[in-house]
Amino acid sequence: MNGITIALSKGRIFEETLPLLAAAGIEPLEDPETSRKLIIPTSRADVRLVIVRATDAPTYVQYGAADLGVAGKDVLLEHGSEGLYQPIDLRIAKCRMMVAIPAGFDYGNAVRQGARLKVASKYVNIARQHFAAKGVHVDLIKLYGSMELAPLAGLADAIVDLVSTGSTLKANNLIAVEHVMDISSSLIVNQAALKLKREALEPILDAIAAVVDR
């Protein structure tokens, strides 16, 4: 396709990206939550949206299957952002990466005593760097599902996960004890597309940047 392909994931990123795309005159003609289509046409004949998993967005953009995409800082740090241009922090889908423990676990003492903590996370690279910087020894356990279950079932002493409201932690008797980093989503651009399709891409990038900077 000679037009522009934008990779987005369903849910919060899609919803919060809509006003930014609208500023560039791009509106999806179908809702991905109700449509079975994975490629969605837009109000511009030369622009289409591809609906991907959040963790796959950088891969689609990196390999040129999409020209643009939106990805969280967590995904970009965990999966690498080689070959991607990240011109705009969109300041959407904000949350925090936190270390959380079961209520009653003496995390501070465990860290002071040099205990080897078992930590479950989907974000093992981010977790590894965080604990290494603190000089804390950890055994990392990679999980893909609900992190909150790991300490409850005795699989891990702590978890590293994204927290937005904290209600899921609270419901499972977990407490956030350490802030790892703030997370938001960025626009990502395929570097080759930026050269080859500059004329088509620049107005879109400028319109989105203008909305974000308001």
N, C-alpha and C. Protein backbone atom coordinates (compact mmCIF):
# COMPACT_ATOMS: atom_id res chain seq x y z
N MET A 1 0.85 -1.21 0.00
CA MET A 1 0.00 0.00 0.00
C MET A 1 0.87 1.24 0.00
N ASN A 2 0.53 2.20 -0.85
CA ASN A 2 1.31 3.42 -0.95
C ASN A 2 0.90 4.47 0.07
N GLY A 3 -0.26 4.26 0.69
CA GLY A 3 -0.74 5.24 1.68
C GLY A 3 -0.02 5.08 3.02
N ILE A 4 -0.68 5.55 4.07
CA ILE A 4 -0.11 5.53 5.41
C ILE A 4 -0.82 4.47 6.25
N THR A 5 -0.03 3.63 6.93
CA THR A 5 -0.58 2.62 7.83
C THR A 5 -0.17 2.97 9.26
N ILE A 6 -1.16 2.99 10.15
CA ILE A 6 -0.90 3.33 11.56
C ILE A 6 -1.26 2.13 12.44
N ALA A 7 -0.31 1.68 13.27
CA ALA A 7 -0.53 0.54 14.16
C ALA A 7 -0.99 1.01 15.53
N LEU A 8 -2.16 0.52 15.94
CA LEU A 8 -2.72 0.89 17.26
C LEU A 8 -3.20 -0.37 17.96
N SER A 9 -3.18 -0.32 19.30
CA SER A 9 -3.77 -1.44 20.06
C SER A 9 -5.14 -1.02 20.57
N LYS A 10 -6.00 -2.01 20.78
CA LYS A 10 -7.35 -1.75 21.29
C LYS A 10 -7.29 -1.17 22.69
N GLY A 11 -8.43 -0.64 23.12
CA GLY A 11 -8.54 -0.20 24.51
C GLY A 11 -8.09 1.23 24.72
N ARG A 12 -7.38 1.45 25.83
CA ARG A 12 -7.08 2.80 26.27
C ARG A 12 -6.24 3.59 25.26
N ILE A 13 -5.22 2.94 24.69
CA ILE A 13 -4.37 3.64 23.72
C ILE A 13 -5.20 4.07 22.51
N PHE A 14 -6.05 3.17 22.00
CA PHE A 14 -6.89 3.51 20.85
C PHE A 14 -7.80 4.70 21.18
N GLU A 15 -8.50 4.61 22.31
CA GLU A 15 -9.45 5.66 22.70
C GLU A 15 -8.76 7.02 22.85
N GLU A 16 -7.59 7.01 23.51
CA GLU A 16 -6.92 8.28 23.79
C GLU A 16 -6.15 8.83 22.59
N THR A 17 -5.95 7.98 21.57
CA THR A 17 -5.29 8.44 20.34
C THR A 17 -6.30 9.08 19.38
N LEU A 18 -7.59 8.71 19.51
CA LEU A 18 -8.61 9.20 18.58
C LEU A 18 -8.63 10.73 18.43
N PRO A 19 -8.62 11.51 19.53
CA PRO A 19 -8.65 12.97 19.36
C PRO A 19 -7.41 13.51 18.64
N LEU A 20 -6.28 12.84 18.83
CA LEU A 20 -5.03 13.27 18.18
C LEU A 20 -5.12 13.02 16.67
N LEU A 21 -5.66 11.86 16.31
CA LEU A 21 -5.82 11.55 14.88
C LEU A 21 -6.85 12.47 14.23
N ALA A 22 -7.91 12.76 15.00
CA ALA A 22 -8.97 13.64 14.48
C ALA A 22 -8.40 15.00 14.09
N ALA A 23 -7.41 15.47 14.85
CA ALA A 23 -6.77 16.76 14.56
C ALA A 23 -6.06 16.73 13.22
N ALA A 24 -5.65 15.51 12.81
CA ALA A 24 -4.99 15.36 11.52
C ALA A 24 -5.99 14.95 10.43
N GLY A 25 -7.28 15.03 10.78
CA GLY A 25 -8.33 14.70 9.80
C GLY A 25 -8.49 13.21 9.57
N ILE A 26 -8.07 12.41 10.57
CA ILE A 26 -8.15 10.95 10.42
C ILE A 26 -9.14 10.41 11.45
N GLU A 27 -10.23 9.81 10.95
CA GLU A 27 -11.21 9.22 11.86
C GLU A 27 -11.53 7.81 11.39
N PRO A 28 -11.46 6.81 12.30
CA PRO A 28 -11.75 5.43 11.89
C PRO A 28 -13.21 5.30 11.48
N LEU A 29 -13.45 4.48 10.46
CA LEU A 29 -14.82 4.28 9.98
C LEU A 29 -15.53 3.13 10.72
N GLU A 30 -14.74 2.40 11.55
CA GLU A 30 -15.33 1.34 12.36
C GLU A 30 -14.67 1.34 13.74
N ASP A 31 -15.41 0.83 14.72
CA ASP A 31 -14.88 0.72 16.08
C ASP A 31 -14.26 -0.66 16.25
N PRO A 32 -12.94 -0.74 16.60
CA PRO A 32 -12.30 -2.05 16.71
C PRO A 32 -12.89 -2.93 17.81
N GLU A 33 -13.60 -2.30 18.78
CA GLU A 33 -14.20 -3.09 19.86
C GLU A 33 -15.41 -3.88 19.35
N THR A 34 -16.05 -3.40 18.30
CA THR A 34 -17.24 -4.09 17.79
C THR A 34 -16.98 -4.73 16.42
N SER A 35 -16.00 -4.21 15.69
CA SER A 35 -15.69 -4.76 14.36
C SER A 35 -14.76 -5.96 14.49
N ARG A 36 -14.91 -6.93 13.61
CA ARG A 36 -14.00 -8.08 13.61
C ARG A 36 -12.79 -7.80 12.72
N LYS A 37 -12.81 -6.70 12.01
CA LYS A 37 -11.71 -6.37 11.11
C LYS A 37 -10.46 -5.98 11.88
N LEU A 38 -9.31 -6.40 11.38
CA LEU A 38 -8.04 -6.02 11.99
C LEU A 38 -7.38 -4.88 11.22
N ILE A 39 -7.90 -4.60 10.03
CA ILE A 39 -7.46 -3.43 9.26
C ILE A 39 -8.69 -2.55 9.08
N ILE A 40 -8.62 -1.35 9.63
CA ILE A 40 -9.79 -0.47 9.67
C ILE A 40 -9.58 0.74 8.77
N PRO A 41 -10.50 0.97 7.83
CA PRO A 41 -10.38 2.15 6.98
C PRO A 41 -10.69 3.43 7.76
N THR A 42 -10.22 4.54 7.26
CA THR A 42 -10.47 5.82 7.93
C THR A 42 -11.13 6.80 6.97
N SER A 43 -11.42 7.98 7.50
CA SER A 43 -12.05 9.03 6.70
C SER A 43 -11.13 9.53 5.59
N ARG A 44 -9.86 9.16 5.66
CA ARG A 44 -8.93 9.49 4.58
C ARG A 44 -8.61 8.22 3.81
N ALA A 45 -8.87 8.25 2.51
CA ALA A 45 -8.69 7.05 1.68
C ALA A 45 -7.25 6.54 1.70
N ASP A 46 -6.30 7.44 1.99
CA ASP A 46 -4.88 7.05 1.95
C ASP A 46 -4.34 6.61 3.32
N VAL A 47 -5.22 6.54 4.32
CA VAL A 47 -4.75 6.16 5.67
C VAL A 47 -5.60 5.00 6.20
N ARG A 48 -4.93 3.98 6.72
CA ARG A 48 -5.65 2.87 7.35
C ARG A 48 -5.02 2.58 8.71
N LEU A 49 -5.83 1.97 9.58
CA LEU A 49 -5.35 1.59 10.91
C LEU A 49 -5.23 0.08 10.97
N VAL A 50 -4.13 -0.44 11.53
CA VAL A 50 -4.05 -1.87 11.77
C VAL A 50 -4.11 -2.07 13.28
N ILE A 51 -4.95 -3.01 13.70
CA ILE A 51 -5.17 -3.25 15.13
C ILE A 51 -4.28 -4.40 15.57
N VAL A 52 -3.34 -4.10 16.47
CA VAL A 52 -2.34 -5.08 16.90
C VAL A 52 -2.31 -5.15 18.43
N ARG A 53 -1.65 -6.16 18.96
CA ARG A 53 -1.41 -6.20 20.40
C ARG A 53 -0.46 -5.06 20.75
N ALA A 54 -0.63 -4.50 21.94
CA ALA A 54 0.21 -3.36 22.36
C ALA A 54 1.69 -3.71 22.24
N THR A 55 2.05 -4.93 22.61
CA THR A 55 3.47 -5.32 22.57
C THR A 55 3.99 -5.52 21.15
N ASP A 56 3.09 -5.64 20.17
CA ASP A 56 3.51 -5.86 18.79
C ASP A 56 3.64 -4.56 17.98
N ALA A 57 3.10 -3.47 18.49
CA ALA A 57 3.12 -2.21 17.73
C ALA A 57 4.53 -1.80 17.28
N PRO A 58 5.54 -1.83 18.17
CA PRO A 58 6.88 -1.44 17.72
C PRO A 58 7.43 -2.37 16.63
N THR A 59 7.07 -3.66 16.67
CA THR A 59 7.56 -4.61 15.67
C THR A 59 6.98 -4.29 14.30
N TYR A 60 5.68 -4.00 14.25
CA TYR A 60 5.05 -3.63 12.97
C TYR A 60 5.69 -2.38 12.38
N VAL A 61 5.98 -1.40 13.23
CA VAL A 61 6.58 -0.15 12.75
C VAL A 61 8.05 -0.37 12.39
N GLN A 62 8.76 -1.09 13.21
CA GLN A 62 10.19 -1.33 12.97
C GLN A 62 10.43 -2.00 11.61
N TYR A 63 9.57 -2.98 11.27
CA TYR A 63 9.76 -3.73 10.03
C TYR A 63 9.02 -3.13 8.83
N GLY A 64 8.38 -1.97 9.04
CA GLY A 64 7.77 -1.27 7.92
C GLY A 64 6.39 -1.75 7.53
N ALA A 65 5.79 -2.66 8.33
CA ALA A 65 4.41 -3.09 8.04
C ALA A 65 3.45 -1.97 8.41
N ALA A 66 3.90 -1.06 9.28
CA ALA A 66 3.16 0.16 9.60
C ALA A 66 4.16 1.32 9.54
N ASP A 67 3.67 2.48 9.11
CA ASP A 67 4.54 3.66 9.03
C ASP A 67 4.62 4.38 10.37
N LEU A 68 3.48 4.39 11.06
CA LEU A 68 3.38 5.04 12.37
C LEU A 68 2.75 4.06 13.35
N GLY A 69 2.93 4.35 14.63
CA GLY A 69 2.25 3.56 15.65
C GLY A 69 2.27 4.31 16.96
N VAL A 70 1.58 3.75 17.93
CA VAL A 70 1.60 4.31 19.28
C VAL A 70 1.97 3.18 20.23
N ALA A 71 2.97 3.44 21.09
CA ALA A 71 3.43 2.41 22.02
C ALA A 71 3.79 3.04 23.35
N GLY A 72 3.53 2.30 24.42
CA GLY A 72 3.87 2.76 25.76
C GLY A 72 5.37 2.68 26.00
N LYS A 73 5.85 3.54 26.88
CA LYS A 73 7.26 3.54 27.26
C LYS A 73 7.67 2.16 27.79
N ASP A 74 6.75 1.51 28.51
CA ASP A 74 7.03 0.18 29.05
C ASP A 74 7.35 -0.81 27.93
N VAL A 75 6.57 -0.77 26.86
CA VAL A 75 6.77 -1.68 25.73
C VAL A 75 8.08 -1.35 25.01
N LEU A 76 8.33 -0.06 24.80
CA LEU A 76 9.53 0.36 24.08
C LEU A 76 10.80 0.00 24.85
N LEU A 77 10.77 0.15 26.16
CA LEU A 77 11.94 -0.21 26.97
C LEU A 77 12.13 -1.72 27.06
N GLU A 78 11.03 -2.43 27.14
CA GLU A 78 11.10 -3.88 27.32
C GLU A 78 11.49 -4.60 26.03
N HIS A 79 10.94 -4.13 24.91
CA HIS A 79 11.13 -4.83 23.64
C HIS A 79 12.20 -4.18 22.76
N GLY A 80 12.72 -3.05 23.21
CA GLY A 80 13.73 -2.36 22.41
C GLY A 80 13.07 -1.47 21.38
N SER A 81 13.76 -0.40 21.00
CA SER A 81 13.17 0.55 20.04
C SER A 81 14.14 0.82 18.89
N GLU A 82 14.93 -0.19 18.57
CA GLU A 82 15.89 -0.05 17.48
C GLU A 82 15.17 0.20 16.16
N GLY A 83 15.67 1.14 15.38
CA GLY A 83 15.08 1.43 14.07
C GLY A 83 13.80 2.25 14.15
N LEU A 84 13.48 2.77 15.34
CA LEU A 84 12.26 3.56 15.50
C LEU A 84 12.61 4.99 15.84
N TYR A 85 11.89 5.90 15.25
CA TYR A 85 12.00 7.32 15.57
C TYR A 85 10.83 7.64 16.50
N GLN A 86 11.11 8.30 17.62
CA GLN A 86 10.06 8.60 18.60
C GLN A 86 9.94 10.12 18.76
N PRO A 87 9.24 10.77 17.83
CA PRO A 87 9.25 12.23 17.83
C PRO A 87 8.38 12.90 18.89
N ILE A 88 7.34 12.20 19.37
CA ILE A 88 6.38 12.88 20.24
C ILE A 88 5.95 11.99 21.40
N ASP A 89 6.15 12.48 22.63
CA ASP A 89 5.52 11.85 23.79
C ASP A 89 4.07 12.35 23.80
N LEU A 90 3.13 11.45 23.57
CA LEU A 90 1.73 11.86 23.41
C LEU A 90 1.05 12.20 24.74
N ARG A 91 1.71 11.83 25.84
CA ARG A 91 1.17 12.10 27.19
C ARG A 91 -0.21 11.46 27.39
N ILE A 92 -0.38 10.28 26.81
CA ILE A 92 -1.65 9.55 26.98
C ILE A 92 -1.35 8.20 27.63
N ALA A 93 -2.43 7.51 28.06
CA ALA A 93 -2.33 6.19 28.69
C ALA A 93 -1.30 6.23 29.82
N LYS A 94 -1.40 7.27 30.63
CA LYS A 94 -0.42 7.45 31.72
C LYS A 94 -0.66 6.47 32.87
N CYS A 95 0.42 5.96 33.41
CA CYS A 95 0.36 5.13 34.61
C CYS A 95 1.77 5.10 35.21
N ARG A 96 1.93 4.27 36.23
CA ARG A 96 3.24 4.18 36.89
C ARG A 96 3.68 2.73 36.95
N MET A 97 4.98 2.52 36.75
CA MET A 97 5.55 1.19 36.97
C MET A 97 5.98 1.15 38.43
N MET A 98 5.47 0.16 39.17
CA MET A 98 5.71 0.10 40.62
C MET A 98 6.17 -1.29 41.05
N VAL A 99 6.86 -1.31 42.20
CA VAL A 99 7.11 -2.58 42.89
C VAL A 99 6.00 -2.71 43.93
N ALA A 100 5.34 -3.86 43.96
CA ALA A 100 4.28 -4.08 44.94
C ALA A 100 4.53 -5.39 45.68
N ILE A 101 4.08 -5.43 46.93
CA ILE A 101 4.30 -6.59 47.81
C ILE A 101 2.99 -6.93 48.54
N PRO A 102 2.88 -8.13 49.08
CA PRO A 102 1.71 -8.43 49.91
C PRO A 102 1.78 -7.62 51.20
N ALA A 103 0.63 -7.17 51.68
CA ALA A 103 0.59 -6.45 52.96
C ALA A 103 1.18 -7.37 54.03
N GLY A 104 2.07 -6.82 54.84
CA GLY A 104 2.68 -7.63 55.90
C GLY A 104 4.08 -8.12 55.57
N PHE A 105 4.46 -8.10 54.28
CA PHE A 105 5.82 -8.51 53.92
C PHE A 105 6.78 -7.36 54.20
N ASP A 106 7.85 -7.63 54.97
CA ASP A 106 8.79 -6.58 55.35
C ASP A 106 9.83 -6.39 54.24
N TYR A 107 9.44 -5.65 53.24
CA TYR A 107 10.28 -5.45 52.05
C TYR A 107 11.58 -4.73 52.41
N GLY A 108 11.44 -3.65 53.19
CA GLY A 108 12.62 -2.86 53.56
C GLY A 108 13.66 -3.71 54.26
N ASN A 109 13.24 -4.55 55.17
CA ASN A 109 14.16 -5.40 55.92
C ASN A 109 14.78 -6.47 55.01
N ALA A 110 13.95 -7.03 54.12
CA ALA A 110 14.46 -8.06 53.19
C ALA A 110 15.56 -7.48 52.30
N VAL A 111 15.35 -6.25 51.84
CA VAL A 111 16.34 -5.58 50.99
C VAL A 111 17.61 -5.28 51.80
N ARG A 112 17.44 -4.78 53.03
CA ARG A 112 18.59 -4.43 53.89
C ARG A 112 19.43 -5.67 54.22
N GLN A 113 18.74 -6.78 54.45
CA GLN A 113 19.44 -8.01 54.85
C GLN A 113 20.13 -8.69 53.67
N GLY A 114 19.90 -8.14 52.47
CA GLY A 114 20.54 -8.73 51.29
C GLY A 114 19.88 -10.04 50.86
N ALA A 115 18.61 -10.22 51.26
CA ALA A 115 17.87 -11.43 50.86
C ALA A 115 17.71 -11.44 49.34
N ARG A 116 17.65 -12.64 48.79
CA ARG A 116 17.43 -12.75 47.34
C ARG A 116 15.92 -12.81 47.11
N LEU A 117 15.39 -11.74 46.57
CA LEU A 117 13.94 -11.65 46.38
C LEU A 117 13.50 -12.36 45.11
N LYS A 118 12.33 -12.99 45.19
CA LYS A 118 11.71 -13.54 43.98
C LYS A 118 10.71 -12.50 43.48
N VAL A 119 10.93 -12.05 42.26
CA VAL A 119 10.10 -10.97 41.70
C VAL A 119 9.46 -11.43 40.41
N ALA A 120 8.14 -11.33 40.34
CA ALA A 120 7.40 -11.69 39.12
C ALA A 120 7.06 -10.43 38.33
N SER A 121 7.21 -10.51 37.02
CA SER A 121 6.89 -9.35 36.18
C SER A 121 6.75 -9.76 34.72
N LYS A 122 5.97 -8.97 34.01
CA LYS A 122 5.92 -9.07 32.55
C LYS A 122 7.10 -8.29 31.98
N TYR A 123 7.62 -7.36 32.81
CA TYR A 123 8.66 -6.42 32.35
C TYR A 123 10.00 -6.77 33.00
N VAL A 124 10.55 -7.92 32.61
CA VAL A 124 11.74 -8.42 33.32
C VAL A 124 12.97 -7.55 33.07
N ASN A 125 13.10 -6.96 31.88
CA ASN A 125 14.27 -6.11 31.61
C ASN A 125 14.23 -4.84 32.45
N ILE A 126 13.06 -4.23 32.53
CA ILE A 126 12.90 -3.02 33.36
C ILE A 126 13.14 -3.36 34.83
N ALA A 127 12.58 -4.48 35.27
CA ALA A 127 12.75 -4.91 36.67
C ALA A 127 14.22 -5.19 36.96
N ARG A 128 14.90 -5.88 36.03
CA ARG A 128 16.31 -6.22 36.24
C ARG A 128 17.14 -4.96 36.42
N GLN A 129 16.92 -3.97 35.56
CA GLN A 129 17.69 -2.71 35.65
C GLN A 129 17.39 -1.97 36.94
N HIS A 130 16.13 -1.96 37.35
CA HIS A 130 15.74 -1.26 38.57
C HIS A 130 16.44 -1.83 39.80
N PHE A 131 16.38 -3.16 39.93
CA PHE A 131 16.98 -3.77 41.12
C PHE A 131 18.50 -3.77 41.06
N ALA A 132 19.06 -3.89 39.85
CA ALA A 132 20.53 -3.85 39.71
C ALA A 132 21.06 -2.49 40.16
N ALA A 133 20.33 -1.43 39.79
CA ALA A 133 20.75 -0.07 40.17
C ALA A 133 20.72 0.12 41.69
N LYS A 134 19.87 -0.65 42.35
CA LYS A 134 19.76 -0.55 43.82
C LYS A 134 20.68 -1.55 44.52
N GLY A 135 21.31 -2.42 43.73
CA GLY A 135 22.17 -3.44 44.32
C GLY A 135 21.40 -4.54 45.04
N VAL A 136 20.16 -4.75 44.63
CA VAL A 136 19.32 -5.78 45.26
C VAL A 136 19.35 -7.05 44.40
N HIS A 137 19.59 -8.20 45.04
CA HIS A 137 19.63 -9.48 44.33
C HIS A 137 18.21 -10.01 44.12
N VAL A 138 17.90 -10.32 42.88
CA VAL A 138 16.55 -10.83 42.60
C VAL A 138 16.60 -12.03 41.66
N ASP A 139 15.63 -12.92 41.83
CA ASP A 139 15.35 -13.96 40.85
C ASP A 139 14.09 -13.50 40.14
N LEU A 140 14.19 -13.30 38.82
CA LEU A 140 13.05 -12.77 38.06
C LEU A 140 12.25 -13.91 37.44
N ILE A 141 10.95 -13.82 37.57
CA ILE A 141 10.03 -14.81 37.03
C ILE A 141 9.13 -14.09 36.03
N LYS A 142 9.20 -14.50 34.76
CA LYS A 142 8.39 -13.83 33.73
C LYS A 142 7.00 -14.42 33.69
N LEU A 143 6.00 -13.55 33.82
CA LEU A 143 4.61 -13.96 33.71
C LEU A 143 3.91 -13.11 32.65
N TYR A 144 2.84 -13.63 32.10
CA TYR A 144 2.08 -12.90 31.09
C TYR A 144 0.68 -12.52 31.59
N GLY A 145 0.22 -13.22 32.61
CA GLY A 145 -1.14 -12.98 33.10
C GLY A 145 -1.18 -12.03 34.29
N SER A 146 -2.13 -12.25 35.19
CA SER A 146 -2.32 -11.36 36.34
C SER A 146 -1.15 -11.47 37.32
N MET A 147 -0.39 -10.39 37.44
CA MET A 147 0.77 -10.38 38.33
C MET A 147 0.36 -10.53 39.80
N GLU A 148 -0.82 -9.99 40.13
CA GLU A 148 -1.24 -9.96 41.54
C GLU A 148 -1.33 -11.36 42.15
N LEU A 149 -1.54 -12.36 41.29
CA LEU A 149 -1.69 -13.72 41.79
C LEU A 149 -0.36 -14.29 42.30
N ALA A 150 0.76 -13.85 41.72
CA ALA A 150 2.07 -14.46 42.02
C ALA A 150 2.42 -14.43 43.51
N PRO A 151 2.34 -13.26 44.19
CA PRO A 151 2.66 -13.29 45.62
C PRO A 151 1.58 -13.99 46.45
N LEU A 152 0.34 -13.92 46.00
CA LEU A 152 -0.76 -14.56 46.75
C LEU A 152 -0.61 -16.09 46.73
N ALA A 153 -0.09 -16.60 45.62
CA ALA A 153 0.07 -18.05 45.49
C ALA A 153 1.44 -18.54 45.97
N GLY A 154 2.28 -17.60 46.45
CA GLY A 154 3.59 -17.98 46.95
C GLY A 154 4.66 -18.15 45.88
N LEU A 155 4.35 -17.70 44.66
CA LEU A 155 5.33 -17.80 43.56
C LEU A 155 6.42 -16.74 43.68
N ALA A 156 6.06 -15.56 44.21
CA ALA A 156 7.02 -14.46 44.28
C ALA A 156 6.83 -13.65 45.56
N ASP A 157 7.90 -12.95 45.96
CA ASP A 157 7.83 -12.06 47.12
C ASP A 157 7.25 -10.71 46.73
N ALA A 158 7.51 -10.31 45.48
CA ALA A 158 7.10 -8.98 45.01
C ALA A 158 6.79 -9.05 43.53
N ILE A 159 6.12 -8.02 43.03
CA ILE A 159 5.86 -7.92 41.59
C ILE A 159 6.30 -6.54 41.10
N VAL A 160 6.60 -6.45 39.82
CA VAL A 160 6.82 -5.16 39.17
C VAL A 160 5.77 -5.07 38.08
N ASP A 161 4.89 -4.08 38.18
CA ASP A 161 3.77 -4.02 37.24
C ASP A 161 3.29 -2.58 37.08
N LEU A 162 2.46 -2.38 36.05
CA LEU A 162 1.86 -1.07 35.81
C LEU A 162 0.71 -0.85 36.78
N VAL A 163 0.64 0.35 37.32
CA VAL A 163 -0.44 0.71 38.24
C VAL A 163 -1.06 2.01 37.75
N SER A 164 -2.38 2.03 37.59
CA SER A 164 -3.04 3.29 37.23
C SER A 164 -3.82 3.83 38.42
N THR A 165 -4.84 3.10 38.87
CA THR A 165 -5.61 3.58 40.03
C THR A 165 -5.17 2.92 41.34
N GLY A 166 -4.60 1.73 41.25
CA GLY A 166 -4.20 1.01 42.46
C GLY A 166 -5.30 0.14 43.02
N SER A 167 -6.48 0.16 42.40
CA SER A 167 -7.62 -0.58 42.95
C SER A 167 -7.42 -2.10 42.87
N THR A 168 -6.74 -2.58 41.81
CA THR A 168 -6.50 -4.02 41.68
C THR A 168 -5.54 -4.49 42.77
N LEU A 169 -4.51 -3.70 43.06
CA LEU A 169 -3.59 -4.03 44.15
C LEU A 169 -4.36 -4.14 45.46
N LYS A 170 -5.15 -3.11 45.71
CA LYS A 170 -5.90 -3.04 46.97
C LYS A 170 -6.84 -4.23 47.12
N ALA A 171 -7.51 -4.58 46.05
CA ALA A 171 -8.47 -5.69 46.08
C ALA A 171 -7.78 -7.02 46.40
N ASN A 172 -6.49 -7.10 46.08
CA ASN A 172 -5.74 -8.34 46.31
C ASN A 172 -4.77 -8.23 47.49
N ASN A 173 -5.00 -7.20 48.34
CA ASN A 173 -4.21 -7.03 49.57
C ASN A 173 -2.72 -6.84 49.30
N LEU A 174 -2.44 -6.10 48.21
CA LEU A 174 -1.05 -5.78 47.86
C LEU A 174 -0.82 -4.27 48.05
N ILE A 175 0.44 -3.92 48.31
CA ILE A 175 0.79 -2.52 48.55
C ILE A 175 1.95 -2.12 47.64
N ALA A 176 1.82 -0.97 46.97
CA ALA A 176 2.93 -0.45 46.16
C ALA A 176 3.97 0.15 47.09
N VAL A 177 5.23 -0.30 46.96
CA VAL A 177 6.27 0.17 47.88
C VAL A 177 7.37 0.97 47.20
N GLU A 178 7.43 0.90 45.87
CA GLU A 178 8.54 1.59 45.19
C GLU A 178 8.09 2.03 43.81
N HIS A 179 8.42 3.26 43.48
CA HIS A 179 8.12 3.81 42.16
C HIS A 179 9.30 3.53 41.24
N VAL A 180 9.05 2.82 40.15
CA VAL A 180 10.13 2.50 39.21
C VAL A 180 10.25 3.61 38.17
N MET A 181 9.14 3.95 37.53
CA MET A 181 9.14 5.04 36.54
C MET A 181 7.71 5.42 36.15
N ASP A 182 7.56 6.63 35.62
CA ASP A 182 6.28 7.05 35.05
C ASP A 182 6.22 6.55 33.61
N ILE A 183 5.04 6.14 33.20
CA ILE A 183 4.84 5.59 31.86
C ILE A 183 3.80 6.43 31.12
N SER A 184 4.08 6.71 29.85
CA SER A 184 3.08 7.28 28.96
C SER A 184 3.35 6.70 27.58
N SER A 185 2.52 7.04 26.60
CA SER A 185 2.69 6.47 25.26
C SER A 185 3.27 7.49 24.29
N SER A 186 4.07 6.99 23.37
CA SER A 186 4.72 7.85 22.37
C SER A 186 4.28 7.46 20.96
N LEU A 187 4.37 8.45 20.08
CA LEU A 187 4.20 8.17 18.66
C LEU A 187 5.53 7.59 18.17
N ILE A 188 5.47 6.51 17.42
CA ILE A 188 6.69 5.93 16.86
C ILE A 188 6.57 5.91 15.34
N VAL A 189 7.70 6.11 14.67
CA VAL A 189 7.70 6.26 13.21
C VAL A 189 8.79 5.37 12.62
N ASN A 190 8.46 4.69 11.54
CA ASN A 190 9.45 3.91 10.81
C ASN A 190 10.42 4.87 10.13
N GLN A 191 11.71 4.67 10.35
CA GLN A 191 12.71 5.64 9.88
C GLN A 191 12.76 5.72 8.35
N ALA A 192 12.61 4.57 7.68
CA ALA A 192 12.62 4.57 6.21
C ALA A 192 11.39 5.30 5.67
N ALA A 193 10.23 5.08 6.31
CA ALA A 193 8.99 5.73 5.87
C ALA A 193 9.11 7.24 6.01
N LEU A 194 9.81 7.68 7.05
CA LEU A 194 9.95 9.13 7.27
C LEU A 194 10.68 9.77 6.10
N LYS A 195 11.59 9.03 5.48
CA LYS A 195 12.31 9.57 4.32
C LYS A 195 11.47 9.43 3.05
N LEU A 196 10.91 8.23 2.85
CA LEU A 196 10.21 7.94 1.60
C LEU A 196 8.82 8.58 1.51
N LYS A 197 8.16 8.77 2.66
CA LYS A 197 6.80 9.31 2.66
C LYS A 197 6.71 10.62 3.45
N ARG A 198 7.82 11.34 3.48
CA ARG A 198 7.88 12.56 4.30
C ARG A 198 6.74 13.52 4.00
N GLU A 199 6.43 13.70 2.72
CA GLU A 199 5.39 14.65 2.32
C GLU A 199 4.03 14.30 2.91
N ALA A 200 3.73 13.00 2.98
CA ALA A 200 2.44 12.55 3.51
C ALA A 200 2.46 12.51 5.05
N LEU A 201 3.61 12.15 5.62
CA LEU A 201 3.69 11.97 7.07
C LEU A 201 3.81 13.27 7.86
N GLU A 202 4.56 14.23 7.31
CA GLU A 202 4.84 15.45 8.09
C GLU A 202 3.59 16.20 8.54
N PRO A 203 2.58 16.38 7.67
CA PRO A 203 1.36 17.08 8.13
C PRO A 203 0.66 16.33 9.28
N ILE A 204 0.70 15.00 9.25
CA ILE A 204 0.09 14.21 10.32
C ILE A 204 0.86 14.42 11.62
N LEU A 205 2.18 14.34 11.54
CA LEU A 205 3.02 14.53 12.73
C LEU A 205 2.83 15.94 13.30
N ASP A 206 2.80 16.93 12.42
CA ASP A 206 2.65 18.33 12.87
C ASP A 206 1.30 18.55 13.54
N ALA A 207 0.24 17.97 12.97
CA ALA A 207 -1.11 18.15 13.54
C ALA A 207 -1.21 17.50 14.91
N ILE A 208 -0.63 16.32 15.05
CA ILE A 208 -0.64 15.61 16.35
C ILE A 208 0.18 16.38 17.37
N ALA A 209 1.36 16.84 16.96
CA ALA A 209 2.23 17.59 17.88
C ALA A 209 1.53 18.86 18.38
N ALA A 210 0.79 19.52 17.48
CA ALA A 210 0.10 20.77 17.85
C ALA A 210 -0.95 20.52 18.93
N VAL A 211 -1.65 19.38 18.85
CA VAL A 211 -2.67 19.03 19.85
C VAL A 211 -2.00 18.71 21.19
N VAL A 212 -0.91 17.94 21.14
CA VAL A 212 -0.21 17.53 22.37
C VAL A 212 0.36 18.74 23.08
N ASP A 213 0.84 19.72 22.32
CA ASP A 213 1.49 20.90 22.92
C ASP A 213 0.52 21.96 23.42
N ARG A 214 -0.78 21.75 23.18
CA ARG A 214 -1.75 22.75 23.61
C ARG A 214 -1.78 22.87 25.12
